[in-house]
Amino acid sequence: MTIKADTAGVEMFARYAYAPNALGFCGPPLGATLRDGSVEDVRMAATQFSGAWPYLCVLAKMTGISDPLDYRLVESYWLGGGIGATFDPDEFVDELLAIIGPKAGRYWGHLNADLAGEAAANHCFHVFGVYPWSRLLGRGLDEHPLGVLDNCRITWGTVLSSDGDDIEVSCRRLAWDGDTLELSEPSARRIEVWTDGYSAIPDVAVGDDVAIHWDRLCGRLQPEQIQALADSTTRQLAVTNQRLARLPVKSQPHSS
């Protein structure tokens, strides 16, 4: 997809949404559209994402920007910071829940006004606050929810080396000590440049700062984008930990 100034938001949406969609975690099966479709095809596909699209619509409404796929809105959603960072959390939660609340099932009873204390108009809030996975920690089977949280959040890292179609990236992983979520010290992580014949950064090089979503590259990051992503992640972990600390200790079932 050729990037033009007025389609940069569409292109960014497609790159960041592709991995979870191709893996079957987010949205209907639209991977081929996200990677190969026209701008209008991707625009139509974006409206079918029950997670990202409501955020972009609320961002558009609260900023007065007519296009939910305006680059400023898409960047603010995926990385944090930017144009959505100063929203009143109560107003934002009210607007968001008006869209996603009626569609929530019985596993989503936590979607209420109490979320305002954690709310931010970005993907990191969706991962830790709206999705139920952080609420499954501390129940004796932490590996799976922790893995989902770590892969679903957008990770930033620096390319250390390249070996054919693989690169080694220095990045921080999500850790859980039984009480608190935090980011580890940076460590090396291997990432495939190409998956199923697709790469968001086919010419990725050593020294590049990159975004990772579900073990796949999303794009290069500028220093200010890394700062926004780091700040939004740190902030979300802090408010999530505050909520987890308030929860009563759950007794573990005895084996029969």
Protein backbone atom coordinates (compact mmCIF):
# COMPACT_ATOMS: atom_id res chain seq x y z
CA MET A 1 0.00 0.00 0.00
CA THR A 2 1.45 3.36 -1.04
CA ILE A 3 1.45 5.90 1.78
CA LYS A 4 0.13 9.37 1.03
CA ALA A 5 -0.34 12.13 3.56
CA ASP A 6 -4.10 11.64 3.64
CA THR A 7 -3.93 7.83 3.87
CA ALA A 8 -1.15 7.41 6.45
CA GLY A 9 -3.68 6.66 9.18
CA VAL A 10 -5.29 3.90 7.12
CA GLU A 11 -1.89 2.35 6.45
CA MET A 12 -0.90 2.51 10.13
CA PHE A 13 -4.17 0.95 11.20
CA ALA A 14 -3.62 -1.95 8.81
CA ARG A 15 -0.04 -2.62 9.94
CA TYR A 16 -0.84 -2.65 13.66
CA ALA A 17 -4.11 -4.57 13.32
CA TYR A 18 -2.75 -7.20 10.93
CA ALA A 19 -1.00 -9.52 13.40
CA PRO A 20 -3.85 -10.12 15.88
CA ASN A 21 -6.33 -10.34 13.03
CA ALA A 22 -4.26 -12.85 11.04
CA LEU A 23 -3.90 -14.94 14.21
CA GLY A 24 -7.65 -14.90 14.79
CA PHE A 25 -7.61 -12.81 17.96
CA CYS A 26 -9.19 -9.57 16.79
CA GLY A 27 -11.89 -8.84 14.26
CA PRO A 28 -13.33 -11.00 11.47
CA PRO A 29 -10.93 -12.77 9.05
CA LEU A 30 -9.67 -9.75 7.15
CA GLY A 31 -5.92 -10.39 7.03
CA ALA A 32 -5.78 -10.43 3.23
CA THR A 33 -7.63 -7.12 3.09
CA LEU A 34 -5.38 -5.48 5.67
CA ARG A 35 -2.19 -6.51 3.85
CA ASP A 36 -3.24 -6.26 0.21
CA GLY A 37 -6.46 -4.26 0.05
CA SER A 38 -7.01 -0.79 -1.31
CA VAL A 39 -7.36 2.18 0.99
CA GLU A 40 -11.14 1.96 0.72
CA ASP A 41 -11.04 -1.79 1.40
CA VAL A 42 -9.06 -1.20 4.60
CA ARG A 43 -11.39 1.62 5.61
CA MET A 44 -14.34 -0.74 5.35
CA ALA A 45 -12.48 -3.51 7.18
CA ALA A 46 -11.59 -1.16 10.06
CA THR A 47 -15.27 -0.60 10.84
CA GLN A 48 -15.63 -4.33 11.63
CA PHE A 49 -13.13 -4.28 14.52
CA SER A 50 -15.16 -4.34 17.72
CA GLY A 51 -12.17 -3.15 19.77
CA ALA A 52 -10.20 -0.54 17.84
CA TRP A 53 -13.03 1.00 15.84
CA PRO A 54 -15.10 2.25 18.80
CA TYR A 55 -12.00 3.95 20.22
CA LEU A 56 -11.30 5.66 16.91
CA CYS A 57 -14.91 6.79 16.65
CA VAL A 58 -14.81 8.24 20.17
CA LEU A 59 -11.49 9.91 19.43
CA ALA A 60 -13.00 11.46 16.32
CA LYS A 61 -16.10 12.66 18.17
CA MET A 62 -14.22 14.13 21.12
CA THR A 63 -11.64 15.92 18.96
CA GLY A 64 -13.98 17.08 16.21
CA ILE A 65 -11.89 15.29 13.57
CA SER A 66 -14.30 13.88 11.00
CA ASP A 67 -12.25 10.88 9.89
CA PRO A 68 -11.75 8.13 12.52
CA LEU A 69 -8.75 6.93 10.49
CA ASP A 70 -7.02 10.29 10.54
CA TYR A 71 -3.35 9.56 11.27
CA ARG A 72 -3.38 11.64 14.45
CA LEU A 73 -6.17 9.50 15.89
CA VAL A 74 -4.72 6.16 14.79
CA GLU A 75 -1.29 7.01 16.19
CA SER A 76 -2.80 8.19 19.49
CA TYR A 77 -4.84 4.98 19.78
CA TRP A 78 -2.06 2.48 19.08
CA LEU A 79 0.78 4.24 20.89
CA GLY A 80 -0.84 6.50 23.48
CA GLY A 81 -0.09 10.16 23.98
CA GLY A 82 -0.93 12.61 21.25
CA ILE A 83 -4.33 14.00 20.56
CA GLY A 84 -6.29 11.73 22.90
CA ALA A 85 -4.06 12.07 25.93
CA THR A 86 -5.92 14.99 27.54
CA PHE A 87 -9.45 13.58 27.43
CA ASP A 88 -11.54 13.73 30.58
CA PRO A 89 -11.61 10.04 31.62
CA ASP A 90 -15.22 10.11 32.81
CA GLU A 91 -16.43 11.60 29.55
CA PHE A 92 -14.31 9.21 27.53
CA VAL A 93 -15.55 6.13 29.40
CA ASP A 94 -19.16 7.26 29.00
CA GLU A 95 -18.70 7.64 25.25
CA LEU A 96 -16.83 4.35 24.90
CA LEU A 97 -19.24 2.27 26.98
CA ALA A 98 -22.18 3.66 25.05
CA ILE A 99 -20.73 1.78 22.05
CA ILE A 100 -19.16 -1.35 23.50
CA GLY A 101 -21.31 -1.83 26.60
CA PRO A 102 -24.43 -3.15 24.84
CA LYS A 103 -22.33 -5.77 23.03
CA ALA A 104 -20.56 -7.04 26.16
CA GLY A 105 -21.28 -10.54 27.37
CA ARG A 106 -21.31 -12.02 30.84
CA TYR A 107 -17.49 -12.03 31.05
CA TRP A 108 -17.46 -8.26 30.70
CA GLY A 109 -19.38 -7.21 33.80
CA HIS A 110 -16.47 -4.95 34.74
CA LEU A 111 -17.35 -2.56 31.91
CA ASN A 112 -18.90 0.22 33.94
CA ALA A 113 -18.18 3.75 35.11
CA ASP A 114 -15.62 2.44 37.62
CA LEU A 115 -13.23 2.07 34.67
CA ALA A 116 -12.77 5.84 34.57
CA GLY A 117 -9.96 5.52 37.11
CA GLU A 118 -7.98 3.44 34.63
CA ALA A 119 -9.23 4.91 31.39
CA ALA A 120 -7.12 6.29 28.57
CA ALA A 121 -8.07 6.62 24.92
CA ASN A 122 -5.52 4.10 23.71
CA HIS A 123 -4.88 0.44 23.01
CA CYS A 124 -2.94 -0.12 26.23
CA PHE A 125 -6.03 0.71 28.28
CA HIS A 126 -8.05 -1.67 26.13
CA VAL A 127 -5.56 -4.49 26.77
CA PHE A 128 -5.25 -4.05 30.53
CA GLY A 129 -8.53 -2.39 31.50
CA VAL A 130 -11.21 -3.51 29.07
CA TYR A 131 -10.08 -7.01 28.14
CA PRO A 132 -10.64 -9.44 31.03
CA TRP A 133 -7.12 -10.93 31.03
CA SER A 134 -5.63 -8.84 33.85
CA ARG A 135 -8.56 -9.97 36.01
CA LEU A 136 -7.48 -13.60 35.59
CA LEU A 137 -4.10 -13.06 37.23
CA GLY A 138 -3.60 -14.46 40.71
CA ARG A 139 -5.92 -17.41 40.23
CA GLY A 140 -3.23 -20.04 39.99
CA LEU A 141 -2.87 -20.20 36.20
CA ASP A 142 -1.05 -16.97 35.43
CA GLU A 143 1.10 -18.02 32.47
CA HIS A 144 -1.66 -17.81 29.86
CA PRO A 145 -3.19 -14.43 30.80
CA LEU A 146 0.29 -12.97 31.25
CA GLY A 147 1.29 -14.19 27.80
CA VAL A 148 -1.82 -12.70 26.22
CA LEU A 149 -1.28 -9.35 27.94
CA ASP A 150 2.38 -9.22 26.89
CA ASN A 151 1.68 -10.12 23.28
CA CYS A 152 -1.40 -7.98 22.90
CA ARG A 153 0.19 -4.76 24.16
CA ILE A 154 2.39 -2.88 21.68
CA THR A 155 6.06 -3.46 22.54
CA TRP A 156 8.93 -1.22 21.48
CA GLY A 157 12.46 -2.44 20.86
CA THR A 158 15.74 -1.88 19.03
CA VAL A 159 17.06 -4.24 16.38
CA LEU A 160 20.36 -5.74 17.56
CA SER A 161 21.18 -8.10 14.71
CA SER A 162 19.84 -9.58 11.52
CA ASP A 163 20.16 -13.15 10.28
CA GLY A 164 18.35 -13.80 7.03
CA ASP A 165 14.64 -13.50 7.69
CA ASP A 166 15.08 -13.24 11.47
CA ILE A 167 16.11 -10.30 13.60
CA GLU A 168 17.08 -10.04 17.25
CA VAL A 169 15.38 -7.20 19.10
CA SER A 170 16.21 -5.78 22.52
CA CYS A 171 12.94 -5.14 24.33
CA ARG A 172 11.23 -5.40 27.70
CA ARG A 173 8.79 -8.21 28.51
CA LEU A 174 5.83 -8.12 30.87
CA ALA A 175 6.44 -9.80 34.22
CA TRP A 176 4.12 -10.79 37.09
CA ASP A 177 5.43 -11.63 40.57
CA GLY A 178 2.10 -12.72 41.98
CA ASP A 179 1.16 -9.22 43.09
CA THR A 180 2.42 -6.70 40.59
CA LEU A 181 2.78 -6.31 36.83
CA GLU A 182 5.97 -4.67 35.64
CA LEU A 183 8.30 -4.51 32.67
CA SER A 184 11.49 -6.56 32.78
CA GLU A 185 14.94 -5.29 32.00
CA PRO A 186 15.65 -5.30 28.24
CA SER A 187 16.53 -8.70 26.79
CA ALA A 188 17.00 -10.17 23.32
CA ARG A 189 13.97 -11.52 21.47
CA ARG A 190 13.91 -13.15 18.05
CA ILE A 191 11.32 -11.88 15.58
CA GLU A 192 10.56 -13.11 12.06
CA VAL A 193 10.76 -10.33 9.48
CA TRP A 194 8.41 -12.19 7.12
CA THR A 195 5.39 -14.28 8.08
CA ASP A 196 3.10 -15.88 5.50
CA GLY A 197 4.77 -13.82 2.80
CA TYR A 198 4.11 -10.50 4.54
CA SER A 199 6.34 -8.00 6.33
CA ALA A 200 5.45 -4.58 7.67
CA ILE A 201 9.14 -3.57 7.46
CA PRO A 202 10.80 -5.67 4.75
CA ASP A 203 13.94 -3.51 4.84
CA VAL A 204 14.32 -3.47 8.64
CA ALA A 205 17.93 -2.90 9.66
CA VAL A 206 20.17 -3.11 12.71
CA GLY A 207 19.65 -0.05 14.88
CA ASP A 208 16.03 0.49 13.87
CA ASP A 209 13.54 1.16 16.65
CA VAL A 210 10.45 -0.95 15.95
CA ALA A 211 6.97 -1.73 17.25
CA ILE A 212 5.96 -5.36 17.87
CA HIS A 213 2.43 -6.76 18.16
CA TRP A 214 1.87 -10.50 18.71
CA ASP A 215 5.49 -11.28 17.81
CA ARG A 216 5.27 -9.45 14.50
CA LEU A 217 6.68 -6.16 13.32
CA CYS A 218 4.27 -3.25 12.92
CA GLY A 219 6.55 -0.43 11.86
CA ARG A 220 9.45 1.81 12.76
CA LEU A 221 9.15 4.17 15.71
CA GLN A 222 10.41 7.70 16.17
CA PRO A 223 11.84 8.77 19.56
CA GLU A 224 8.70 10.71 20.47
CA GLN A 225 6.54 7.69 19.63
CA ILE A 226 8.66 5.45 21.85
CA GLN A 227 8.29 7.96 24.68
CA ALA A 228 4.52 8.09 24.22
CA LEU A 229 4.28 4.29 24.16
CA ALA A 230 6.53 3.92 27.21
CA ASP A 231 4.59 6.57 29.13
CA SER A 232 1.19 5.08 28.29
CA THR A 233 2.39 1.58 29.21
CA THR A 234 3.92 2.70 32.52
CA ARG A 235 0.79 4.63 33.41
CA GLN A 236 -1.52 1.73 32.55
CA LEU A 237 0.52 -0.77 34.56
CA ALA A 238 0.39 1.56 37.56
CA VAL A 239 -3.40 1.91 37.56
CA THR A 240 -3.86 -1.80 36.81
CA ASN A 241 -1.66 -2.67 39.78
CA GLN A 242 -3.70 -0.37 41.98
CA ARG A 243 -6.85 -2.25 41.00
CA LEU A 244 -5.23 -5.66 41.48
CA ALA A 245 -4.06 -4.63 44.96
CA ARG A 246 -7.65 -3.84 45.96
CA LEU A 247 -9.01 -7.24 44.95
CA PRO A 248 -9.67 -9.78 47.70
CA VAL A 249 -7.39 -12.80 47.76
CA LYS A 250 -9.13 -15.64 45.99
CA SER A 251 -8.93 -19.07 47.54
CA GLN A 252 -7.66 -21.78 45.22
CA PRO A 253 -9.82 -24.85 44.60
CA HIS A 254 -8.63 -28.04 46.29
CA SER A 255 -7.88 -31.02 44.09
CA SER A 256 -10.19 -33.96 44.61
